[in-house]
Amino acid sequence: MIGVQLAQRLREAGLSWKPALGDRFAIPDRDLDDEVFVLSNMTIQVHNMPEGRVIGFNGTTEWALDDVELEEAIWLPREDQLRELLGGTFRRLSRDGAAFEVTIDLLGERRRFEGDSAEQAYAGALLHLLAAAGVG
């Protein structure tokens, strides 16, 4: 799993989140940085309110957090989501010892991105794509 800091870099680079069941997220700057939440049908859902979209916590959490605005939450994309976001540029994921390497092909140029986990390597490649696309 990628950390909150890397997820924030992805957001700042222009990655947008369309919340779906099973998505993981964190709520930074509320003393909850180490907590990972998962959208589910029963406990945590996205609600469309007149003031905007909010993530609602349906009464099962001990600390009684009612809801947070979607912009306050930071998406922690999974490995499969990061790979999907690379689209047709993705060529391969490999492992060399403890490091993972993702190879992409962008306009005929092969680029490699390393990370301590597959997710980190995918995120590095996605940051490169977002910057190349001028998103963010």
N, C-alpha and C. Protein backbone atom coordinates (compact mmCIF):
# COMPACT_ATOMS: atom_id res chain seq x y z
N MET A 1 0.85 -1.17 0.00
CA MET A 1 0.00 0.00 0.00
C MET A 1 0.89 1.24 0.00
N ILE A 2 0.47 2.25 -0.76
CA ILE A 2 1.22 3.50 -0.75
C ILE A 2 0.84 4.29 0.50
N GLY A 3 1.74 5.15 0.93
CA GLY A 3 1.48 5.96 2.10
C GLY A 3 0.74 7.24 1.77
N VAL A 4 0.35 7.95 2.80
CA VAL A 4 -0.41 9.19 2.64
C VAL A 4 0.40 10.23 1.87
N GLN A 5 1.69 10.35 2.15
CA GLN A 5 2.50 11.37 1.47
C GLN A 5 2.56 11.13 -0.04
N LEU A 6 2.76 9.87 -0.44
CA LEU A 6 2.80 9.55 -1.87
C LEU A 6 1.42 9.76 -2.49
N ALA A 7 0.37 9.40 -1.78
CA ALA A 7 -0.99 9.61 -2.27
C ALA A 7 -1.27 11.10 -2.44
N GLN A 8 -0.77 11.93 -1.53
CA GLN A 8 -0.96 13.38 -1.66
C GLN A 8 -0.21 13.92 -2.87
N ARG A 9 0.97 13.38 -3.13
CA ARG A 9 1.72 13.80 -4.32
C ARG A 9 0.95 13.46 -5.59
N LEU A 10 0.31 12.28 -5.61
CA LEU A 10 -0.50 11.90 -6.77
C LEU A 10 -1.67 12.86 -6.95
N ARG A 11 -2.33 13.20 -5.85
CA ARG A 11 -3.46 14.14 -5.92
C ARG A 11 -2.98 15.50 -6.44
N GLU A 12 -1.88 15.99 -5.88
CA GLU A 12 -1.34 17.28 -6.30
C GLU A 12 -0.93 17.28 -7.77
N ALA A 13 -0.54 16.10 -8.27
CA ALA A 13 -0.15 15.98 -9.68
C ALA A 13 -1.35 15.91 -10.61
N GLY A 14 -2.56 15.79 -10.02
CA GLY A 14 -3.77 15.81 -10.84
C GLY A 14 -4.60 14.55 -10.84
N LEU A 15 -4.24 13.56 -10.04
CA LEU A 15 -5.02 12.33 -9.99
C LEU A 15 -6.33 12.61 -9.26
N SER A 16 -7.44 12.33 -9.93
CA SER A 16 -8.74 12.55 -9.29
C SER A 16 -9.31 11.21 -8.84
N TRP A 17 -10.15 11.28 -7.81
CA TRP A 17 -10.73 10.08 -7.21
C TRP A 17 -12.22 10.07 -7.44
N LYS A 18 -12.69 8.98 -8.03
CA LYS A 18 -14.12 8.72 -8.16
C LYS A 18 -14.41 7.55 -7.24
N PRO A 19 -14.81 7.82 -6.00
CA PRO A 19 -14.94 6.77 -4.98
C PRO A 19 -15.80 5.60 -5.43
N ALA A 20 -15.31 4.40 -5.11
CA ALA A 20 -16.02 3.16 -5.42
C ALA A 20 -15.87 2.21 -4.24
N LEU A 21 -16.80 1.27 -4.12
CA LEU A 21 -16.72 0.28 -3.05
C LEU A 21 -15.36 -0.39 -3.06
N GLY A 22 -14.79 -0.57 -1.89
CA GLY A 22 -13.49 -1.23 -1.75
C GLY A 22 -12.32 -0.27 -1.77
N ASP A 23 -12.54 0.99 -2.14
CA ASP A 23 -11.45 1.97 -2.16
C ASP A 23 -10.97 2.24 -0.74
N ARG A 24 -9.64 2.36 -0.62
CA ARG A 24 -9.03 2.71 0.66
C ARG A 24 -8.72 4.19 0.67
N PHE A 25 -8.81 4.79 1.85
CA PHE A 25 -8.49 6.21 1.97
C PHE A 25 -8.04 6.50 3.39
N ALA A 26 -7.40 7.66 3.53
CA ALA A 26 -6.97 8.15 4.84
C ALA A 26 -7.53 9.56 5.02
N ILE A 27 -7.51 10.01 6.26
CA ILE A 27 -7.96 11.37 6.57
C ILE A 27 -6.80 12.07 7.28
N PRO A 28 -5.93 12.72 6.49
CA PRO A 28 -4.77 13.38 7.11
C PRO A 28 -5.16 14.62 7.89
N ASP A 29 -4.26 15.04 8.76
CA ASP A 29 -4.40 16.29 9.52
C ASP A 29 -5.55 16.27 10.51
N ARG A 30 -5.98 15.13 10.94
CA ARG A 30 -7.03 15.02 11.97
C ARG A 30 -6.62 13.98 13.01
N ASP A 31 -5.33 13.80 13.17
CA ASP A 31 -4.79 12.77 14.07
C ASP A 31 -5.26 11.38 13.67
N LEU A 32 -5.51 11.19 12.38
CA LEU A 32 -5.94 9.88 11.86
C LEU A 32 -5.02 9.41 10.73
N ASP A 33 -3.82 9.99 10.64
CA ASP A 33 -2.92 9.69 9.53
C ASP A 33 -2.58 8.21 9.42
N ASP A 34 -2.56 7.50 10.53
CA ASP A 34 -2.19 6.08 10.50
C ASP A 34 -3.39 5.16 10.29
N GLU A 35 -4.58 5.72 10.22
CA GLU A 35 -5.79 4.91 10.02
C GLU A 35 -6.10 4.81 8.53
N VAL A 36 -6.43 3.59 8.09
CA VAL A 36 -6.85 3.37 6.71
C VAL A 36 -8.30 2.93 6.75
N PHE A 37 -9.13 3.61 5.95
CA PHE A 37 -10.55 3.33 5.90
C PHE A 37 -10.88 2.71 4.54
N VAL A 38 -11.96 1.96 4.48
CA VAL A 38 -12.38 1.31 3.24
C VAL A 38 -13.86 1.61 3.01
N LEU A 39 -14.18 2.08 1.80
CA LEU A 39 -15.58 2.32 1.45
C LEU A 39 -16.30 0.99 1.35
N SER A 40 -17.44 0.89 2.02
CA SER A 40 -18.22 -0.35 1.99
C SER A 40 -19.70 -0.01 2.00
N ASN A 41 -20.52 -0.98 1.69
CA ASN A 41 -21.97 -0.77 1.67
C ASN A 41 -22.54 -0.52 3.06
N MET A 42 -21.88 -1.03 4.08
CA MET A 42 -22.50 -1.00 5.40
C MET A 42 -21.98 0.09 6.32
N THR A 43 -20.68 0.36 6.31
CA THR A 43 -20.15 1.25 7.33
C THR A 43 -19.68 2.60 6.83
N ILE A 44 -19.08 2.66 5.66
CA ILE A 44 -18.54 3.92 5.15
C ILE A 44 -19.01 4.08 3.71
N GLN A 45 -19.79 5.12 3.46
CA GLN A 45 -20.37 5.33 2.14
C GLN A 45 -20.19 6.78 1.70
N VAL A 46 -20.22 7.00 0.39
CA VAL A 46 -20.18 8.36 -0.16
C VAL A 46 -21.62 8.81 -0.35
N HIS A 47 -21.93 10.02 0.14
CA HIS A 47 -23.27 10.59 0.04
C HIS A 47 -23.20 11.90 -0.74
N ASN A 48 -24.16 12.12 -1.62
CA ASN A 48 -24.27 13.40 -2.33
C ASN A 48 -25.18 14.30 -1.50
N MET A 49 -24.60 15.40 -1.00
CA MET A 49 -25.32 16.35 -0.18
C MET A 49 -25.43 17.66 -0.95
N PRO A 50 -26.34 18.54 -0.55
CA PRO A 50 -26.44 19.84 -1.24
C PRO A 50 -25.12 20.61 -1.24
N GLU A 51 -24.33 20.46 -0.17
CA GLU A 51 -23.07 21.20 -0.08
C GLU A 51 -21.90 20.47 -0.75
N GLY A 52 -22.14 19.27 -1.30
CA GLY A 52 -21.10 18.51 -1.99
C GLY A 52 -21.09 17.07 -1.53
N ARG A 53 -20.14 16.32 -2.05
CA ARG A 53 -20.03 14.91 -1.70
C ARG A 53 -19.30 14.76 -0.37
N VAL A 54 -19.82 13.90 0.48
CA VAL A 54 -19.19 13.62 1.77
C VAL A 54 -19.06 12.12 1.94
N ILE A 55 -18.11 11.74 2.77
CA ILE A 55 -17.94 10.34 3.15
C ILE A 55 -18.60 10.19 4.51
N GLY A 56 -19.63 9.37 4.58
CA GLY A 56 -20.38 9.19 5.82
C GLY A 56 -19.97 7.93 6.54
N PHE A 57 -19.80 8.05 7.84
CA PHE A 57 -19.47 6.93 8.71
C PHE A 57 -20.76 6.55 9.44
N ASN A 58 -21.28 5.40 9.15
CA ASN A 58 -22.63 5.03 9.55
C ASN A 58 -22.74 4.46 10.96
N GLY A 59 -22.29 5.20 11.94
CA GLY A 59 -22.55 4.89 13.34
C GLY A 59 -21.84 3.69 13.93
N THR A 60 -20.89 3.11 13.20
CA THR A 60 -20.23 1.92 13.74
C THR A 60 -18.86 2.20 14.30
N THR A 61 -18.36 3.41 14.08
CA THR A 61 -17.02 3.72 14.55
C THR A 61 -17.08 4.29 15.96
N GLU A 62 -16.18 3.83 16.78
CA GLU A 62 -16.18 4.22 18.20
C GLU A 62 -16.06 5.72 18.40
N TRP A 63 -15.26 6.37 17.57
CA TRP A 63 -14.97 7.77 17.81
C TRP A 63 -16.00 8.69 17.18
N ALA A 64 -17.08 8.13 16.66
CA ALA A 64 -18.26 8.89 16.24
C ALA A 64 -17.97 10.00 15.24
N LEU A 65 -17.17 9.71 14.25
CA LEU A 65 -16.96 10.65 13.16
C LEU A 65 -18.16 10.53 12.22
N ASP A 66 -18.95 11.58 12.12
CA ASP A 66 -20.16 11.51 11.32
C ASP A 66 -19.85 11.48 9.82
N ASP A 67 -19.16 12.49 9.34
CA ASP A 67 -18.79 12.52 7.93
C ASP A 67 -17.65 13.50 7.72
N VAL A 68 -16.99 13.36 6.58
CA VAL A 68 -15.94 14.29 6.17
C VAL A 68 -16.19 14.63 4.71
N GLU A 69 -15.82 15.83 4.32
CA GLU A 69 -15.93 16.20 2.92
C GLU A 69 -14.94 15.37 2.12
N LEU A 70 -15.33 15.03 0.91
CA LEU A 70 -14.51 14.19 0.06
C LEU A 70 -13.11 14.78 -0.11
N GLU A 71 -13.00 16.09 -0.18
CA GLU A 71 -11.71 16.74 -0.37
C GLU A 71 -10.78 16.57 0.84
N GLU A 72 -11.35 16.25 2.01
CA GLU A 72 -10.52 16.04 3.20
C GLU A 72 -9.88 14.67 3.23
N ALA A 73 -10.44 13.75 2.48
CA ALA A 73 -9.92 12.38 2.44
C ALA A 73 -8.90 12.25 1.32
N ILE A 74 -7.95 11.38 1.51
CA ILE A 74 -6.94 11.14 0.48
C ILE A 74 -7.02 9.68 0.06
N TRP A 75 -7.21 9.46 -1.23
CA TRP A 75 -7.35 8.12 -1.80
C TRP A 75 -6.01 7.40 -1.76
N LEU A 76 -6.03 6.15 -1.34
CA LEU A 76 -4.86 5.29 -1.33
C LEU A 76 -5.09 4.17 -2.35
N PRO A 77 -4.81 4.45 -3.63
CA PRO A 77 -5.13 3.46 -4.66
C PRO A 77 -4.36 2.16 -4.46
N ARG A 78 -5.06 1.07 -4.79
CA ARG A 78 -4.47 -0.27 -4.72
C ARG A 78 -3.57 -0.51 -5.93
N GLU A 79 -2.81 -1.59 -5.87
CA GLU A 79 -1.91 -1.96 -6.96
C GLU A 79 -2.67 -2.09 -8.29
N ASP A 80 -3.81 -2.77 -8.27
CA ASP A 80 -4.55 -2.97 -9.52
C ASP A 80 -5.08 -1.65 -10.07
N GLN A 81 -5.46 -0.73 -9.20
CA GLN A 81 -5.95 0.57 -9.65
C GLN A 81 -4.83 1.40 -10.27
N LEU A 82 -3.67 1.38 -9.64
CA LEU A 82 -2.52 2.11 -10.17
C LEU A 82 -2.12 1.56 -11.53
N ARG A 83 -2.10 0.24 -11.66
CA ARG A 83 -1.75 -0.39 -12.95
C ARG A 83 -2.77 0.01 -14.02
N GLU A 84 -4.05 -0.01 -13.67
CA GLU A 84 -5.09 0.37 -14.62
C GLU A 84 -4.93 1.82 -15.07
N LEU A 85 -4.55 2.70 -14.16
CA LEU A 85 -4.37 4.11 -14.49
C LEU A 85 -3.20 4.33 -15.45
N LEU A 86 -2.25 3.42 -15.47
CA LEU A 86 -1.14 3.52 -16.42
C LEU A 86 -1.61 3.20 -17.84
N GLY A 87 -2.73 2.52 -17.95
CA GLY A 87 -3.31 2.22 -19.26
C GLY A 87 -2.35 1.50 -20.19
N GLY A 88 -2.39 1.89 -21.45
CA GLY A 88 -1.58 1.24 -22.49
C GLY A 88 -0.10 1.51 -22.40
N THR A 89 0.32 2.41 -21.51
CA THR A 89 1.76 2.67 -21.36
C THR A 89 2.46 1.58 -20.57
N PHE A 90 1.69 0.83 -19.77
CA PHE A 90 2.29 -0.19 -18.90
C PHE A 90 2.87 -1.33 -19.74
N ARG A 91 4.09 -1.71 -19.43
CA ARG A 91 4.74 -2.84 -20.10
C ARG A 91 4.98 -4.01 -19.17
N ARG A 92 5.52 -3.75 -17.98
CA ARG A 92 5.75 -4.89 -17.09
C ARG A 92 6.07 -4.44 -15.67
N LEU A 93 5.89 -5.39 -14.77
CA LEU A 93 6.30 -5.25 -13.37
C LEU A 93 7.29 -6.37 -13.12
N SER A 94 8.44 -6.04 -12.57
CA SER A 94 9.43 -7.06 -12.24
C SER A 94 9.98 -6.79 -10.85
N ARG A 95 10.67 -7.78 -10.34
CA ARG A 95 11.27 -7.65 -9.01
C ARG A 95 12.74 -8.01 -9.11
N ASP A 96 13.58 -7.17 -8.54
CA ASP A 96 15.01 -7.41 -8.51
C ASP A 96 15.45 -7.33 -7.05
N GLY A 97 15.57 -8.48 -6.42
CA GLY A 97 15.89 -8.50 -5.00
C GLY A 97 14.74 -7.93 -4.20
N ALA A 98 15.00 -6.89 -3.44
CA ALA A 98 13.96 -6.28 -2.61
C ALA A 98 13.19 -5.19 -3.35
N ALA A 99 13.70 -4.76 -4.49
CA ALA A 99 13.08 -3.64 -5.22
C ALA A 99 12.12 -4.15 -6.30
N PHE A 100 11.08 -3.37 -6.53
CA PHE A 100 10.14 -3.63 -7.61
C PHE A 100 10.39 -2.59 -8.69
N GLU A 101 10.17 -2.98 -9.94
CA GLU A 101 10.39 -2.07 -11.06
C GLU A 101 9.21 -2.15 -12.02
N VAL A 102 8.67 -0.98 -12.36
CA VAL A 102 7.60 -0.87 -13.35
C VAL A 102 8.20 -0.24 -14.59
N THR A 103 7.91 -0.84 -15.74
CA THR A 103 8.36 -0.30 -17.02
C THR A 103 7.14 0.17 -17.79
N ILE A 104 7.25 1.41 -18.29
CA ILE A 104 6.20 1.97 -19.14
C ILE A 104 6.82 2.38 -20.47
N ASP A 105 5.99 2.55 -21.47
CA ASP A 105 6.41 3.06 -22.77
C ASP A 105 5.58 4.29 -23.06
N LEU A 106 6.23 5.43 -23.07
CA LEU A 106 5.54 6.69 -23.32
C LEU A 106 6.10 7.28 -24.61
N LEU A 107 5.27 7.26 -25.65
CA LEU A 107 5.63 7.80 -26.96
C LEU A 107 6.93 7.18 -27.48
N GLY A 108 7.05 5.86 -27.34
CA GLY A 108 8.20 5.14 -27.86
C GLY A 108 9.42 5.13 -26.95
N GLU A 109 9.33 5.80 -25.82
CA GLU A 109 10.46 5.84 -24.89
C GLU A 109 10.15 4.98 -23.68
N ARG A 110 11.00 4.00 -23.42
CA ARG A 110 10.84 3.13 -22.25
C ARG A 110 11.38 3.84 -21.02
N ARG A 111 10.59 3.80 -19.94
CA ARG A 111 11.01 4.39 -18.66
C ARG A 111 10.79 3.36 -17.57
N ARG A 112 11.68 3.34 -16.59
CA ARG A 112 11.58 2.41 -15.47
C ARG A 112 11.49 3.18 -14.16
N PHE A 113 10.67 2.66 -13.26
CA PHE A 113 10.45 3.29 -11.96
C PHE A 113 10.54 2.24 -10.88
N GLU A 114 11.36 2.50 -9.87
CA GLU A 114 11.58 1.54 -8.79
C GLU A 114 10.85 1.96 -7.53
N GLY A 115 10.55 0.97 -6.69
CA GLY A 115 9.96 1.22 -5.40
C GLY A 115 10.18 0.04 -4.48
N ASP A 116 9.99 0.28 -3.19
CA ASP A 116 10.12 -0.80 -2.21
C ASP A 116 8.96 -1.78 -2.31
N SER A 117 7.86 -1.34 -2.92
CA SER A 117 6.69 -2.20 -3.14
C SER A 117 6.23 -1.99 -4.58
N ALA A 118 5.42 -2.90 -5.06
CA ALA A 118 4.87 -2.74 -6.41
C ALA A 118 4.05 -1.46 -6.50
N GLU A 119 3.27 -1.17 -5.45
CA GLU A 119 2.45 0.04 -5.46
C GLU A 119 3.30 1.29 -5.59
N GLN A 120 4.43 1.33 -4.89
CA GLN A 120 5.30 2.51 -4.96
C GLN A 120 5.89 2.67 -6.36
N ALA A 121 6.27 1.56 -6.98
CA ALA A 121 6.81 1.63 -8.34
C ALA A 121 5.73 2.10 -9.32
N TYR A 122 4.52 1.55 -9.20
CA TYR A 122 3.41 2.00 -10.05
C TYR A 122 3.12 3.49 -9.84
N ALA A 123 3.12 3.93 -8.58
CA ALA A 123 2.84 5.33 -8.27
C ALA A 123 3.90 6.25 -8.88
N GLY A 124 5.15 5.84 -8.84
CA GLY A 124 6.22 6.63 -9.46
C GLY A 124 5.99 6.78 -10.95
N ALA A 125 5.60 5.70 -11.60
CA ALA A 125 5.32 5.75 -13.04
C ALA A 125 4.12 6.65 -13.32
N LEU A 126 3.10 6.56 -12.48
CA LEU A 126 1.90 7.38 -12.67
C LEU A 126 2.21 8.86 -12.45
N LEU A 127 3.04 9.18 -11.48
CA LEU A 127 3.47 10.58 -11.29
C LEU A 127 4.14 11.11 -12.55
N HIS A 128 4.97 10.28 -13.17
CA HIS A 128 5.64 10.68 -14.40
C HIS A 128 4.62 10.94 -15.51
N LEU A 129 3.64 10.05 -15.66
CA LEU A 129 2.63 10.22 -16.70
C LEU A 129 1.80 11.48 -16.48
N LEU A 130 1.41 11.72 -15.23
CA LEU A 130 0.61 12.92 -14.92
C LEU A 130 1.41 14.18 -15.26
N ALA A 131 2.70 14.18 -14.93
CA ALA A 131 3.54 15.34 -15.24
C ALA A 131 3.69 15.50 -16.76
N ALA A 132 3.86 14.40 -17.47
CA ALA A 132 4.02 14.46 -18.93
C ALA A 132 2.74 14.94 -19.60
N ALA A 133 1.59 14.62 -19.00
CA ALA A 133 0.31 15.02 -19.57
C ALA A 133 -0.04 16.46 -19.19
N GLY A 134 0.72 17.03 -18.26
CA GLY A 134 0.45 18.40 -17.83
C GLY A 134 -0.79 18.51 -16.97
N VAL A 135 -1.17 17.38 -16.32
CA VAL A 135 -2.32 17.39 -15.42
C VAL A 135 -1.84 17.94 -14.09
N GLY A 136 -2.67 18.71 -13.41
CA GLY A 136 -2.32 19.18 -12.06
C GLY A 136 -1.65 20.44 -12.02
